[in-house]
Amino acid sequence: MTDWLRAALRETWRLVAGVTRRPVETYEKIARVPSPRGAVVFIGGLALVAAGASAAAAVATGSGPARAAAGFVLWGPVGVFGVYLAASAAIWLVGRALGSRATFEAFLTAWAGSYVPTAAWFAGLTLFHVLFVPSGFLDPSAVGGVAGPVVVQVAFLAFSVAAFLWKALLLYLTLRVVGGLDFRRIVAAAAILAPVAIAYWLLGLSLGWFKVPLI
């Protein structure tokens, strides 16, 4: 078990470092030798962090244990891990329908890499919230925060756009390098996947899961 965990952590580190420093080379390696074990450990770690943060926020705002437990489950196994698996399956199925021969394990590994910009965005969101609360992620009155000046709002927007473009690049690499699709089929895949992503964002916003679109 210890050897398995060490190997998984090494694969996780290679995935995160590779996506950050050499994304093209990393995705070329994923296409040859997927490492779903490291991908699942990475996403599992993010799920635990998200679940713990949600539970802590519920406790901090005076919610009861039931609300904290619900937040832990919804933001952990469901909100992170479940959405990751569903998105990986959707991208894989669309890719297969358009002619990709890549395995599900390859797509599972590649899409896990796209959660590096997501994790960076959440870290930035938390920092901005603690300092200025520019995003409305939580009710400012609940934690005594105040919104920042316009320059802070613009900085947060620029940061969010950069994270979104980073994730979009990794989706392109998933379809092009791992999936082996040409540009025309990538455009077709994006046209199919975009309405699904927008519907998910709108559903989350309408149900109050978050107050800004998640990437």
N, C-alpha and C. Protein backbone atom coordinates (compact mmCIF):
# COMPACT_ATOMS: atom_id res chain seq x y z
N MET A 1 0.84 -1.20 0.00
CA MET A 1 0.00 0.00 0.00
C MET A 1 0.87 1.25 0.00
N THR A 2 1.95 1.22 0.79
CA THR A 2 2.85 2.38 0.85
C THR A 2 3.53 2.61 -0.49
N ASP A 3 3.98 1.53 -1.13
CA ASP A 3 4.62 1.66 -2.44
C ASP A 3 3.63 2.19 -3.47
N TRP A 4 2.38 1.71 -3.40
CA TRP A 4 1.36 2.17 -4.33
C TRP A 4 1.12 3.66 -4.17
N LEU A 5 1.03 4.11 -2.91
CA LEU A 5 0.76 5.52 -2.65
C LEU A 5 1.94 6.38 -3.09
N ARG A 6 3.15 5.93 -2.83
CA ARG A 6 4.32 6.69 -3.26
C ARG A 6 4.35 6.83 -4.78
N ALA A 7 4.07 5.74 -5.46
CA ALA A 7 4.06 5.78 -6.92
C ALA A 7 2.96 6.72 -7.43
N ALA A 8 1.79 6.67 -6.79
CA ALA A 8 0.68 7.53 -7.19
C ALA A 8 1.03 9.00 -6.95
N LEU A 9 1.67 9.30 -5.83
CA LEU A 9 2.05 10.68 -5.54
C LEU A 9 3.11 11.19 -6.52
N ARG A 10 4.03 10.30 -6.92
CA ARG A 10 5.02 10.70 -7.92
C ARG A 10 4.34 11.02 -9.25
N GLU A 11 3.37 10.19 -9.63
CA GLU A 11 2.64 10.44 -10.87
C GLU A 11 1.84 11.74 -10.77
N THR A 12 1.27 11.99 -9.60
CA THR A 12 0.52 13.24 -9.39
C THR A 12 1.42 14.44 -9.55
N TRP A 13 2.60 14.38 -8.96
CA TRP A 13 3.54 15.49 -9.04
C TRP A 13 3.98 15.73 -10.49
N ARG A 14 4.27 14.64 -11.21
CA ARG A 14 4.68 14.78 -12.61
C ARG A 14 3.56 15.42 -13.44
N LEU A 15 2.32 15.04 -13.15
CA LEU A 15 1.19 15.61 -13.88
C LEU A 15 1.06 17.10 -13.61
N VAL A 16 1.07 17.49 -12.35
CA VAL A 16 0.90 18.90 -11.98
C VAL A 16 2.07 19.75 -12.49
N ALA A 17 3.29 19.27 -12.26
CA ALA A 17 4.47 20.02 -12.71
C ALA A 17 4.52 20.09 -14.23
N GLY A 18 4.17 19.00 -14.89
CA GLY A 18 4.21 18.98 -16.35
C GLY A 18 3.20 19.91 -16.97
N VAL A 19 1.98 19.92 -16.44
CA VAL A 19 0.94 20.81 -16.95
C VAL A 19 1.33 22.27 -16.76
N THR A 20 2.03 22.55 -15.67
CA THR A 20 2.42 23.92 -15.36
C THR A 20 3.59 24.38 -16.22
N ARG A 21 4.58 23.49 -16.44
CA ARG A 21 5.82 23.91 -17.10
C ARG A 21 5.91 23.49 -18.57
N ARG A 22 5.51 22.26 -18.87
CA ARG A 22 5.63 21.73 -20.24
C ARG A 22 4.35 20.99 -20.63
N PRO A 23 3.27 21.72 -20.86
CA PRO A 23 1.98 21.05 -21.10
C PRO A 23 1.97 20.18 -22.36
N VAL A 24 2.59 20.64 -23.45
CA VAL A 24 2.56 19.85 -24.68
C VAL A 24 3.30 18.54 -24.50
N GLU A 25 4.51 18.59 -23.94
CA GLU A 25 5.28 17.37 -23.71
C GLU A 25 4.54 16.44 -22.75
N THR A 26 3.91 17.02 -21.74
CA THR A 26 3.19 16.20 -20.76
C THR A 26 2.03 15.47 -21.41
N TYR A 27 1.29 16.16 -22.27
CA TYR A 27 0.14 15.52 -22.92
C TYR A 27 0.58 14.52 -23.98
N GLU A 28 1.71 14.74 -24.59
CA GLU A 28 2.26 13.74 -25.51
C GLU A 28 2.61 12.46 -24.74
N LYS A 29 3.15 12.61 -23.55
CA LYS A 29 3.46 11.45 -22.72
C LYS A 29 2.19 10.75 -22.26
N ILE A 30 1.16 11.53 -21.90
CA ILE A 30 -0.12 10.93 -21.50
C ILE A 30 -0.70 10.11 -22.64
N ALA A 31 -0.55 10.62 -23.88
CA ALA A 31 -1.08 9.89 -25.04
C ALA A 31 -0.39 8.54 -25.19
N ARG A 32 0.91 8.48 -24.84
CA ARG A 32 1.65 7.22 -24.96
C ARG A 32 1.43 6.32 -23.75
N VAL A 33 1.55 6.92 -22.54
CA VAL A 33 1.45 6.13 -21.30
C VAL A 33 0.58 6.89 -20.30
N PRO A 34 -0.72 6.65 -20.29
CA PRO A 34 -1.60 7.33 -19.31
C PRO A 34 -1.24 6.91 -17.89
N SER A 35 -1.51 7.82 -16.94
CA SER A 35 -1.28 7.51 -15.52
C SER A 35 -2.54 7.86 -14.73
N PRO A 36 -3.62 7.10 -14.91
CA PRO A 36 -4.88 7.42 -14.22
C PRO A 36 -4.77 7.34 -12.71
N ARG A 37 -3.83 6.54 -12.20
CA ARG A 37 -3.66 6.44 -10.76
C ARG A 37 -3.29 7.80 -10.16
N GLY A 38 -2.28 8.45 -10.74
CA GLY A 38 -1.90 9.77 -10.26
C GLY A 38 -3.00 10.79 -10.45
N ALA A 39 -3.73 10.67 -11.57
CA ALA A 39 -4.83 11.60 -11.83
C ALA A 39 -5.91 11.49 -10.78
N VAL A 40 -6.29 10.26 -10.44
CA VAL A 40 -7.35 10.05 -9.45
C VAL A 40 -6.91 10.53 -8.07
N VAL A 41 -5.65 10.30 -7.72
CA VAL A 41 -5.14 10.78 -6.43
C VAL A 41 -5.16 12.30 -6.38
N PHE A 42 -4.77 12.94 -7.48
CA PHE A 42 -4.78 14.40 -7.54
C PHE A 42 -6.19 14.96 -7.36
N ILE A 43 -7.14 14.41 -8.12
CA ILE A 43 -8.52 14.87 -8.01
C ILE A 43 -9.09 14.55 -6.63
N GLY A 44 -8.73 13.38 -6.09
CA GLY A 44 -9.19 13.03 -4.75
C GLY A 44 -8.70 14.03 -3.71
N GLY A 45 -7.45 14.47 -3.85
CA GLY A 45 -6.93 15.48 -2.94
C GLY A 45 -7.67 16.80 -3.05
N LEU A 46 -7.96 17.21 -4.29
CA LEU A 46 -8.74 18.44 -4.49
C LEU A 46 -10.14 18.30 -3.90
N ALA A 47 -10.72 17.11 -4.05
CA ALA A 47 -12.06 16.88 -3.50
C ALA A 47 -12.06 17.02 -1.98
N LEU A 48 -11.05 16.48 -1.33
CA LEU A 48 -10.96 16.59 0.13
C LEU A 48 -10.79 18.05 0.56
N VAL A 49 -9.95 18.80 -0.16
CA VAL A 49 -9.74 20.21 0.17
C VAL A 49 -11.04 20.99 -0.01
N ALA A 50 -11.74 20.77 -1.14
CA ALA A 50 -12.99 21.47 -1.39
C ALA A 50 -14.05 21.11 -0.36
N ALA A 51 -14.11 19.82 -0.01
CA ALA A 51 -15.09 19.38 0.98
C ALA A 51 -14.80 19.99 2.34
N GLY A 52 -13.54 19.99 2.74
CA GLY A 52 -13.19 20.58 4.02
C GLY A 52 -13.45 22.07 4.08
N ALA A 53 -13.14 22.77 2.97
CA ALA A 53 -13.38 24.21 2.93
C ALA A 53 -14.87 24.52 3.01
N SER A 54 -15.68 23.71 2.32
CA SER A 54 -17.12 23.92 2.36
C SER A 54 -17.68 23.69 3.76
N ALA A 55 -17.24 22.63 4.40
CA ALA A 55 -17.70 22.34 5.75
C ALA A 55 -17.26 23.44 6.72
N ALA A 56 -16.02 23.91 6.58
CA ALA A 56 -15.52 24.96 7.46
C ALA A 56 -16.29 26.26 7.26
N ALA A 57 -16.62 26.58 5.99
CA ALA A 57 -17.41 27.79 5.72
C ALA A 57 -18.79 27.68 6.34
N ALA A 58 -19.38 26.48 6.28
CA ALA A 58 -20.71 26.29 6.86
C ALA A 58 -20.66 26.48 8.37
N VAL A 59 -19.63 25.96 9.01
CA VAL A 59 -19.48 26.12 10.46
C VAL A 59 -19.24 27.59 10.81
N ALA A 60 -18.39 28.27 10.01
CA ALA A 60 -18.05 29.67 10.29
C ALA A 60 -19.26 30.59 10.19
N THR A 61 -20.21 30.24 9.32
CA THR A 61 -21.39 31.08 9.15
C THR A 61 -22.53 30.68 10.07
N GLY A 62 -22.26 29.78 11.02
CA GLY A 62 -23.26 29.41 12.01
C GLY A 62 -24.20 28.31 11.60
N SER A 63 -23.92 27.61 10.52
CA SER A 63 -24.78 26.51 10.10
C SER A 63 -24.58 25.30 11.01
N GLY A 64 -25.57 24.45 11.07
CA GLY A 64 -25.50 23.29 11.93
C GLY A 64 -24.65 22.18 11.33
N PRO A 65 -24.45 21.10 12.11
CA PRO A 65 -23.66 19.96 11.63
C PRO A 65 -24.22 19.33 10.36
N ALA A 66 -25.54 19.31 10.23
CA ALA A 66 -26.15 18.70 9.04
C ALA A 66 -25.77 19.49 7.79
N ARG A 67 -25.78 20.82 7.88
CA ARG A 67 -25.41 21.66 6.74
C ARG A 67 -23.93 21.49 6.41
N ALA A 68 -23.11 21.39 7.44
CA ALA A 68 -21.68 21.19 7.22
C ALA A 68 -21.42 19.84 6.57
N ALA A 69 -22.11 18.80 7.03
CA ALA A 69 -21.94 17.47 6.44
C ALA A 69 -22.41 17.44 5.00
N ALA A 70 -23.53 18.12 4.73
CA ALA A 70 -24.03 18.18 3.36
C ALA A 70 -23.05 18.91 2.45
N GLY A 71 -22.48 20.00 2.95
CA GLY A 71 -21.49 20.73 2.17
C GLY A 71 -20.26 19.90 1.90
N PHE A 72 -19.85 19.10 2.89
CA PHE A 72 -18.68 18.23 2.72
C PHE A 72 -18.92 17.23 1.60
N VAL A 73 -20.11 16.62 1.58
CA VAL A 73 -20.41 15.61 0.57
C VAL A 73 -20.59 16.24 -0.81
N LEU A 74 -21.35 17.35 -0.87
CA LEU A 74 -21.66 17.96 -2.16
C LEU A 74 -20.42 18.56 -2.83
N TRP A 75 -19.54 19.16 -2.03
CA TRP A 75 -18.36 19.79 -2.62
C TRP A 75 -17.19 18.83 -2.75
N GLY A 76 -17.25 17.65 -2.13
CA GLY A 76 -16.18 16.69 -2.23
C GLY A 76 -16.46 15.61 -3.24
N PRO A 77 -17.06 14.49 -2.80
CA PRO A 77 -17.31 13.38 -3.73
C PRO A 77 -18.17 13.77 -4.93
N VAL A 78 -19.15 14.64 -4.73
CA VAL A 78 -20.06 15.00 -5.82
C VAL A 78 -19.51 16.17 -6.63
N GLY A 79 -19.27 17.29 -5.96
CA GLY A 79 -18.91 18.52 -6.65
C GLY A 79 -17.60 18.47 -7.39
N VAL A 80 -16.62 17.72 -6.89
CA VAL A 80 -15.32 17.66 -7.55
C VAL A 80 -15.14 16.32 -8.26
N PHE A 81 -15.17 15.24 -7.50
CA PHE A 81 -14.86 13.94 -8.09
C PHE A 81 -15.93 13.50 -9.08
N GLY A 82 -17.20 13.68 -8.71
CA GLY A 82 -18.27 13.27 -9.61
C GLY A 82 -18.28 14.05 -10.90
N VAL A 83 -18.10 15.38 -10.80
CA VAL A 83 -18.08 16.21 -12.00
C VAL A 83 -16.87 15.87 -12.87
N TYR A 84 -15.73 15.60 -12.24
CA TYR A 84 -14.53 15.21 -12.98
C TYR A 84 -14.75 13.94 -13.78
N LEU A 85 -15.32 12.92 -13.15
CA LEU A 85 -15.59 11.67 -13.86
C LEU A 85 -16.59 11.86 -14.99
N ALA A 86 -17.66 12.63 -14.70
CA ALA A 86 -18.68 12.87 -15.71
C ALA A 86 -18.10 13.64 -16.90
N ALA A 87 -17.30 14.66 -16.61
CA ALA A 87 -16.71 15.46 -17.69
C ALA A 87 -15.73 14.63 -18.50
N SER A 88 -14.92 13.82 -17.82
CA SER A 88 -13.96 12.96 -18.54
C SER A 88 -14.70 12.00 -19.46
N ALA A 89 -15.78 11.41 -18.96
CA ALA A 89 -16.56 10.47 -19.77
C ALA A 89 -17.19 11.18 -20.96
N ALA A 90 -17.73 12.38 -20.73
CA ALA A 90 -18.38 13.12 -21.82
C ALA A 90 -17.37 13.48 -22.92
N ILE A 91 -16.20 13.97 -22.51
CA ILE A 91 -15.18 14.35 -23.50
C ILE A 91 -14.69 13.11 -24.25
N TRP A 92 -14.51 12.01 -23.53
CA TRP A 92 -14.08 10.77 -24.17
C TRP A 92 -15.11 10.27 -25.17
N LEU A 93 -16.38 10.28 -24.79
CA LEU A 93 -17.44 9.80 -25.68
C LEU A 93 -17.56 10.68 -26.92
N VAL A 94 -17.46 11.99 -26.74
CA VAL A 94 -17.51 12.89 -27.89
C VAL A 94 -16.31 12.65 -28.79
N GLY A 95 -15.14 12.50 -28.17
CA GLY A 95 -13.94 12.22 -28.95
C GLY A 95 -14.05 10.92 -29.73
N ARG A 96 -14.56 9.88 -29.09
CA ARG A 96 -14.74 8.60 -29.77
C ARG A 96 -15.73 8.72 -30.92
N ALA A 97 -16.79 9.48 -30.70
CA ALA A 97 -17.79 9.65 -31.75
C ALA A 97 -17.20 10.38 -32.97
N LEU A 98 -16.18 11.20 -32.73
CA LEU A 98 -15.56 11.95 -33.81
C LEU A 98 -14.32 11.27 -34.38
N GLY A 99 -14.05 10.04 -33.92
CA GLY A 99 -12.96 9.27 -34.52
C GLY A 99 -11.75 9.03 -33.66
N SER A 100 -11.73 9.49 -32.41
CA SER A 100 -10.57 9.25 -31.55
C SER A 100 -10.49 7.78 -31.16
N ARG A 101 -9.27 7.29 -31.06
CA ARG A 101 -9.05 5.91 -30.63
C ARG A 101 -8.38 5.85 -29.25
N ALA A 102 -8.25 6.98 -28.60
CA ALA A 102 -7.62 7.01 -27.29
C ALA A 102 -8.49 6.30 -26.26
N THR A 103 -7.85 5.75 -25.23
CA THR A 103 -8.57 5.03 -24.19
C THR A 103 -9.19 6.01 -23.20
N PHE A 104 -10.15 5.50 -22.43
CA PHE A 104 -10.75 6.32 -21.39
C PHE A 104 -9.72 6.72 -20.34
N GLU A 105 -8.77 5.81 -20.04
CA GLU A 105 -7.72 6.12 -19.07
C GLU A 105 -6.90 7.32 -19.52
N ALA A 106 -6.64 7.43 -20.82
CA ALA A 106 -5.88 8.56 -21.33
C ALA A 106 -6.64 9.87 -21.14
N PHE A 107 -7.93 9.86 -21.47
CA PHE A 107 -8.75 11.06 -21.28
C PHE A 107 -8.90 11.39 -19.80
N LEU A 108 -9.01 10.36 -18.97
CA LEU A 108 -9.14 10.56 -17.53
C LEU A 108 -7.90 11.27 -16.98
N THR A 109 -6.74 10.83 -17.46
CA THR A 109 -5.49 11.46 -17.02
C THR A 109 -5.37 12.88 -17.55
N ALA A 110 -5.68 13.05 -18.84
CA ALA A 110 -5.53 14.36 -19.46
C ALA A 110 -6.46 15.40 -18.84
N TRP A 111 -7.71 15.00 -18.58
CA TRP A 111 -8.65 15.97 -18.03
C TRP A 111 -8.32 16.31 -16.58
N ALA A 112 -7.68 15.41 -15.87
CA ALA A 112 -7.23 15.74 -14.51
C ALA A 112 -6.23 16.88 -14.55
N GLY A 113 -5.40 16.92 -15.60
CA GLY A 113 -4.45 18.02 -15.72
C GLY A 113 -5.13 19.37 -15.83
N SER A 114 -6.33 19.40 -16.40
CA SER A 114 -7.05 20.67 -16.54
C SER A 114 -7.53 21.21 -15.20
N TYR A 115 -7.46 20.40 -14.15
CA TYR A 115 -7.85 20.88 -12.83
C TYR A 115 -6.73 21.65 -12.14
N VAL A 116 -5.55 21.69 -12.74
CA VAL A 116 -4.48 22.52 -12.18
C VAL A 116 -4.86 24.00 -12.28
N PRO A 117 -5.28 24.51 -13.45
CA PRO A 117 -5.75 25.91 -13.46
C PRO A 117 -7.00 26.12 -12.61
N THR A 118 -7.86 25.10 -12.52
CA THR A 118 -9.03 25.23 -11.65
C THR A 118 -8.61 25.41 -10.20
N ALA A 119 -7.63 24.60 -9.76
CA ALA A 119 -7.13 24.71 -8.39
C ALA A 119 -6.48 26.07 -8.16
N ALA A 120 -5.72 26.54 -9.16
CA ALA A 120 -5.08 27.86 -9.03
C ALA A 120 -6.13 28.95 -8.95
N TRP A 121 -7.21 28.80 -9.74
CA TRP A 121 -8.28 29.79 -9.72
C TRP A 121 -8.98 29.82 -8.36
N PHE A 122 -9.25 28.64 -7.80
CA PHE A 122 -9.88 28.59 -6.49
C PHE A 122 -8.98 29.19 -5.41
N ALA A 123 -7.68 28.93 -5.52
CA ALA A 123 -6.76 29.52 -4.55
C ALA A 123 -6.77 31.05 -4.66
N GLY A 124 -6.76 31.54 -5.91
CA GLY A 124 -6.84 32.98 -6.10
C GLY A 124 -8.16 33.56 -5.64
N LEU A 125 -9.24 32.82 -5.90
CA LEU A 125 -10.56 33.25 -5.45
C LEU A 125 -10.61 33.39 -3.93
N THR A 126 -10.03 32.40 -3.26
CA THR A 126 -10.00 32.44 -1.79
C THR A 126 -9.19 33.63 -1.30
N LEU A 127 -8.04 33.87 -1.93
CA LEU A 127 -7.20 35.00 -1.53
C LEU A 127 -7.91 36.33 -1.76
N PHE A 128 -8.52 36.49 -2.92
CA PHE A 128 -9.25 37.72 -3.22
C PHE A 128 -10.42 37.89 -2.25
N HIS A 129 -11.07 36.77 -1.92
CA HIS A 129 -12.20 36.87 -0.99
C HIS A 129 -11.75 37.32 0.39
N VAL A 130 -10.65 36.73 0.86
CA VAL A 130 -10.14 37.08 2.19
C VAL A 130 -9.73 38.55 2.23
N LEU A 131 -9.13 39.03 1.14
CA LEU A 131 -8.62 40.41 1.14
C LEU A 131 -9.68 41.45 0.78
N PHE A 132 -10.51 41.13 -0.22
CA PHE A 132 -11.39 42.16 -0.75
C PHE A 132 -12.83 41.71 -0.98
N VAL A 133 -13.08 40.41 -1.05
CA VAL A 133 -14.39 39.86 -1.41
C VAL A 133 -14.89 40.48 -2.71
N PRO A 134 -14.15 40.35 -3.83
CA PRO A 134 -14.63 40.96 -5.07
C PRO A 134 -15.60 40.09 -5.84
N SER A 135 -15.66 38.81 -5.52
CA SER A 135 -16.40 37.90 -6.39
C SER A 135 -17.79 37.55 -5.90
N GLY A 136 -18.09 37.81 -4.61
CA GLY A 136 -19.37 37.41 -4.07
C GLY A 136 -19.48 35.91 -3.87
N PHE A 137 -18.33 35.22 -3.78
CA PHE A 137 -18.37 33.77 -3.61
C PHE A 137 -19.12 33.38 -2.34
N LEU A 138 -18.92 34.16 -1.28
CA LEU A 138 -19.68 34.02 -0.05
C LEU A 138 -20.32 35.36 0.27
N ASP A 139 -21.32 35.33 1.08
CA ASP A 139 -21.99 36.57 1.48
C ASP A 139 -21.03 37.41 2.31
N PRO A 140 -20.63 38.61 1.86
CA PRO A 140 -19.68 39.42 2.62
C PRO A 140 -20.15 39.71 4.04
N SER A 141 -21.45 39.89 4.24
CA SER A 141 -21.95 40.22 5.58
C SER A 141 -21.76 39.07 6.54
N ALA A 142 -21.63 37.84 6.01
CA ALA A 142 -21.50 36.68 6.88
C ALA A 142 -20.12 36.59 7.50
N VAL A 143 -19.13 37.17 6.83
CA VAL A 143 -17.76 37.06 7.35
C VAL A 143 -17.14 38.43 7.60
N GLY A 144 -17.94 39.47 7.41
CA GLY A 144 -17.45 40.81 7.71
C GLY A 144 -16.52 41.39 6.67
N GLY A 145 -16.51 40.85 5.46
CA GLY A 145 -15.64 41.37 4.42
C GLY A 145 -16.28 42.53 3.68
N VAL A 146 -15.46 43.24 2.92
CA VAL A 146 -15.97 44.33 2.10
C VAL A 146 -15.39 44.17 0.70
N ALA A 147 -16.14 44.58 -0.30
CA ALA A 147 -15.67 44.48 -1.68
C ALA A 147 -14.53 45.45 -1.92
N GLY A 148 -13.64 45.08 -2.82
CA GLY A 148 -12.49 45.90 -3.10
C GLY A 148 -12.78 46.98 -4.14
N PRO A 149 -11.80 47.83 -4.43
CA PRO A 149 -11.98 48.89 -5.43
C PRO A 149 -12.06 48.29 -6.83
N VAL A 150 -12.36 49.15 -7.79
CA VAL A 150 -12.54 48.70 -9.17
C VAL A 150 -11.28 48.02 -9.70
N VAL A 151 -10.12 48.53 -9.35
CA VAL A 151 -8.88 47.95 -9.85
C VAL A 151 -8.73 46.50 -9.40
N VAL A 152 -9.23 46.21 -8.20
CA VAL A 152 -9.17 44.83 -7.70
C VAL A 152 -10.14 43.95 -8.48
N GLN A 153 -11.31 44.49 -8.77
CA GLN A 153 -12.30 43.75 -9.55
C GLN A 153 -11.72 43.42 -10.94
N VAL A 154 -11.06 44.38 -11.56
CA VAL A 154 -10.47 44.17 -12.87
C VAL A 154 -9.35 43.14 -12.80
N ALA A 155 -8.53 43.22 -11.74
CA ALA A 155 -7.44 42.26 -11.57
C ALA A 155 -7.98 40.85 -11.41
N PHE A 156 -9.06 40.72 -10.64
CA PHE A 156 -9.65 39.40 -10.46
C PHE A 156 -10.24 38.87 -11.76
N LEU A 157 -10.87 39.76 -12.54
CA LEU A 157 -11.42 39.36 -13.82
C LEU A 157 -10.32 38.90 -14.78
N ALA A 158 -9.20 39.65 -14.82
CA ALA A 158 -8.08 39.28 -15.68
C ALA A 158 -7.49 37.94 -15.26
N PHE A 159 -7.39 37.73 -13.96
CA PHE A 159 -6.89 36.46 -13.44
C PHE A 159 -7.82 35.32 -13.83
N SER A 160 -9.12 35.54 -13.75
CA SER A 160 -10.10 34.51 -14.11
C SER A 160 -10.03 34.18 -15.60
N VAL A 161 -9.89 35.20 -16.43
CA VAL A 161 -9.79 34.98 -17.88
C VAL A 161 -8.54 34.17 -18.20
N ALA A 162 -7.42 34.51 -17.54
CA ALA A 162 -6.17 33.77 -17.78
C ALA A 162 -6.32 32.31 -17.38
N ALA A 163 -6.96 32.05 -16.25
CA ALA A 163 -7.17 30.66 -15.82
C ALA A 163 -8.09 29.92 -16.79
N PHE A 164 -9.12 30.61 -17.29
CA PHE A 164 -10.03 30.00 -18.25
C PHE A 164 -9.30 29.64 -19.54
N LEU A 165 -8.46 30.55 -20.04
CA LEU A 165 -7.72 30.29 -21.27
C LEU A 165 -6.73 29.15 -21.07
N TRP A 166 -6.14 29.06 -19.90
CA TRP A 166 -5.22 27.95 -19.59
C TRP A 166 -5.98 26.63 -19.65
N LYS A 167 -7.15 26.60 -19.04
CA LYS A 167 -7.95 25.37 -19.05
C LYS A 167 -8.42 25.04 -20.48
N ALA A 168 -8.78 26.07 -21.25
CA ALA A 168 -9.19 25.84 -22.63
C ALA A 168 -8.04 25.26 -23.45
N LEU A 169 -6.83 25.73 -23.20
CA LEU A 169 -5.65 25.17 -23.88
C LEU A 169 -5.49 23.69 -23.55
N LEU A 170 -5.69 23.33 -22.28
CA LEU A 170 -5.54 21.94 -21.88
C LEU A 170 -6.65 21.07 -22.47
N LEU A 171 -7.84 21.63 -22.65
CA LEU A 171 -8.89 20.88 -23.35
C LEU A 171 -8.49 20.65 -24.80
N TYR A 172 -7.92 21.67 -25.43
CA TYR A 172 -7.45 21.51 -26.81
C TYR A 172 -6.39 20.42 -26.89
N LEU A 173 -5.44 20.42 -25.95
CA LEU A 173 -4.40 19.39 -25.96
C LEU A 173 -4.98 18.02 -25.69
N THR A 174 -6.01 17.96 -24.86
CA THR A 174 -6.68 16.68 -24.60
C THR A 174 -7.25 16.11 -25.89
N LEU A 175 -7.91 16.95 -26.67
CA LEU A 175 -8.54 16.49 -27.90
C LEU A 175 -7.54 16.30 -29.03
N ARG A 176 -6.55 17.19 -29.12
CA ARG A 176 -5.61 17.15 -30.24
C ARG A 176 -4.49 16.14 -30.00
N VAL A 177 -3.81 16.26 -28.89
CA VAL A 177 -2.63 15.43 -28.64
C VAL A 177 -3.02 14.04 -28.14
N VAL A 178 -3.91 14.01 -27.16
CA VAL A 178 -4.31 12.72 -26.58
C VAL A 178 -5.36 12.04 -27.46
N GLY A 179 -6.36 12.81 -27.88
CA GLY A 179 -7.44 12.24 -28.68
C GLY A 179 -7.10 12.04 -30.14
N GLY A 180 -6.09 12.77 -30.63
CA GLY A 180 -5.68 12.62 -32.02
C GLY A 180 -6.65 13.21 -33.03
N LEU A 181 -7.45 14.17 -32.62
CA LEU A 181 -8.42 14.79 -33.53
C LEU A 181 -7.78 15.95 -34.28
N ASP A 182 -8.22 16.18 -35.51
CA ASP A 182 -7.74 17.33 -36.25
C ASP A 182 -8.55 18.56 -35.84
N PHE A 183 -8.15 19.72 -36.39
CA PHE A 183 -8.76 20.98 -35.95
C PHE A 183 -10.26 21.01 -36.22
N ARG A 184 -10.66 20.52 -37.38
CA ARG A 184 -12.09 20.54 -37.73
C ARG A 184 -12.91 19.74 -36.72
N ARG A 185 -12.41 18.58 -36.34
CA ARG A 185 -13.14 17.75 -35.38
C ARG A 185 -13.07 18.31 -33.97
N ILE A 186 -12.01 19.03 -33.67
CA ILE A 186 -11.92 19.69 -32.36
C ILE A 186 -12.98 20.78 -32.26
N VAL A 187 -13.16 21.54 -33.34
CA VAL A 187 -14.21 22.56 -33.35
C VAL A 187 -15.58 21.91 -33.17
N ALA A 188 -15.79 20.78 -33.83
CA ALA A 188 -17.06 20.07 -33.68
C ALA A 188 -17.25 19.59 -32.25
N ALA A 189 -16.18 19.08 -31.63
CA ALA A 189 -16.26 18.62 -30.24
C ALA A 189 -16.59 19.79 -29.31
N ALA A 190 -15.94 20.94 -29.55
CA ALA A 190 -16.22 22.11 -28.72
C ALA A 190 -17.66 22.57 -28.86
N ALA A 191 -18.19 22.48 -30.09
CA ALA A 191 -19.58 22.88 -30.32
C ALA A 191 -20.54 21.96 -29.58
N ILE A 192 -20.16 20.71 -29.41
CA ILE A 192 -21.01 19.76 -28.68
C ILE A 192 -20.87 19.94 -27.18
N LEU A 193 -19.64 20.16 -26.72
CA LEU A 193 -19.38 20.22 -25.28
C LEU A 193 -19.76 21.57 -24.66
N ALA A 194 -19.67 22.65 -25.43
CA ALA A 194 -19.93 23.98 -24.87
C ALA A 194 -21.32 24.12 -24.29
N PRO A 195 -22.39 23.70 -24.97
CA PRO A 195 -23.73 23.81 -24.36
C PRO A 195 -23.85 23.01 -23.06
N VAL A 196 -23.16 21.88 -22.99
CA VAL A 196 -23.21 21.07 -21.76
C VAL A 196 -22.56 21.83 -20.61
N ALA A 197 -21.39 22.43 -20.88
CA ALA A 197 -20.70 23.19 -19.84
C ALA A 197 -21.52 24.41 -19.41
N ILE A 198 -22.10 25.11 -20.38
CA ILE A 198 -22.92 26.30 -20.05
C ILE A 198 -24.14 25.90 -19.23
N ALA A 199 -24.76 24.78 -19.59
CA ALA A 199 -25.92 24.31 -18.83
C ALA A 199 -25.53 23.99 -17.39
N TYR A 200 -24.36 23.37 -17.21
CA TYR A 200 -23.87 23.07 -15.86
C TYR A 200 -23.64 24.35 -15.06
N TRP A 201 -23.00 25.34 -15.69
CA TRP A 201 -22.76 26.61 -15.01
C TRP A 201 -24.08 27.27 -14.61
N LEU A 202 -25.01 27.34 -15.54
CA LEU A 202 -26.29 27.99 -15.25
C LEU A 202 -27.05 27.26 -14.15
N LEU A 203 -26.99 25.93 -14.18
CA LEU A 203 -27.65 25.16 -13.12
C LEU A 203 -27.03 25.46 -11.77
N GLY A 204 -25.71 25.49 -11.71
CA GLY A 204 -25.05 25.80 -10.44
C GLY A 204 -25.36 27.19 -9.94
N LEU A 205 -25.41 28.15 -10.86
CA LEU A 205 -25.73 29.52 -10.46
C LEU A 205 -27.17 29.64 -9.97
N SER A 206 -28.09 28.97 -10.66
CA SER A 206 -29.51 29.07 -10.29
C SER A 206 -29.80 28.37 -8.97
N LEU A 207 -29.08 27.30 -8.68
CA LEU A 207 -29.29 26.56 -7.43
C LEU A 207 -28.48 27.12 -6.27
N GLY A 208 -27.65 28.13 -6.55
CA GLY A 208 -26.86 28.74 -5.49
C GLY A 208 -25.64 27.95 -5.08
N TRP A 209 -25.18 27.03 -5.94
CA TRP A 209 -23.97 26.29 -5.60
C TRP A 209 -22.77 27.21 -5.56
N PHE A 210 -22.76 28.22 -6.42
CA PHE A 210 -21.70 29.22 -6.45
C PHE A 210 -22.28 30.47 -7.07
N LYS A 211 -21.60 31.59 -6.90
CA LYS A 211 -22.08 32.87 -7.42
C LYS A 211 -21.24 33.38 -8.59
N VAL A 212 -20.25 32.62 -8.97
CA VAL A 212 -19.47 32.92 -10.16
C VAL A 212 -19.32 31.62 -10.93
N PRO A 213 -19.25 31.66 -12.26
CA PRO A 213 -19.08 30.43 -13.03
C PRO A 213 -17.77 29.73 -12.70
N LEU A 214 -17.83 28.44 -12.42
CA LEU A 214 -16.62 27.69 -12.10
C LEU A 214 -15.93 27.27 -13.38
N ILE A 215 -14.61 27.22 -13.34
CA ILE A 215 -13.86 26.73 -14.48
C ILE A 215 -13.19 25.41 -14.12
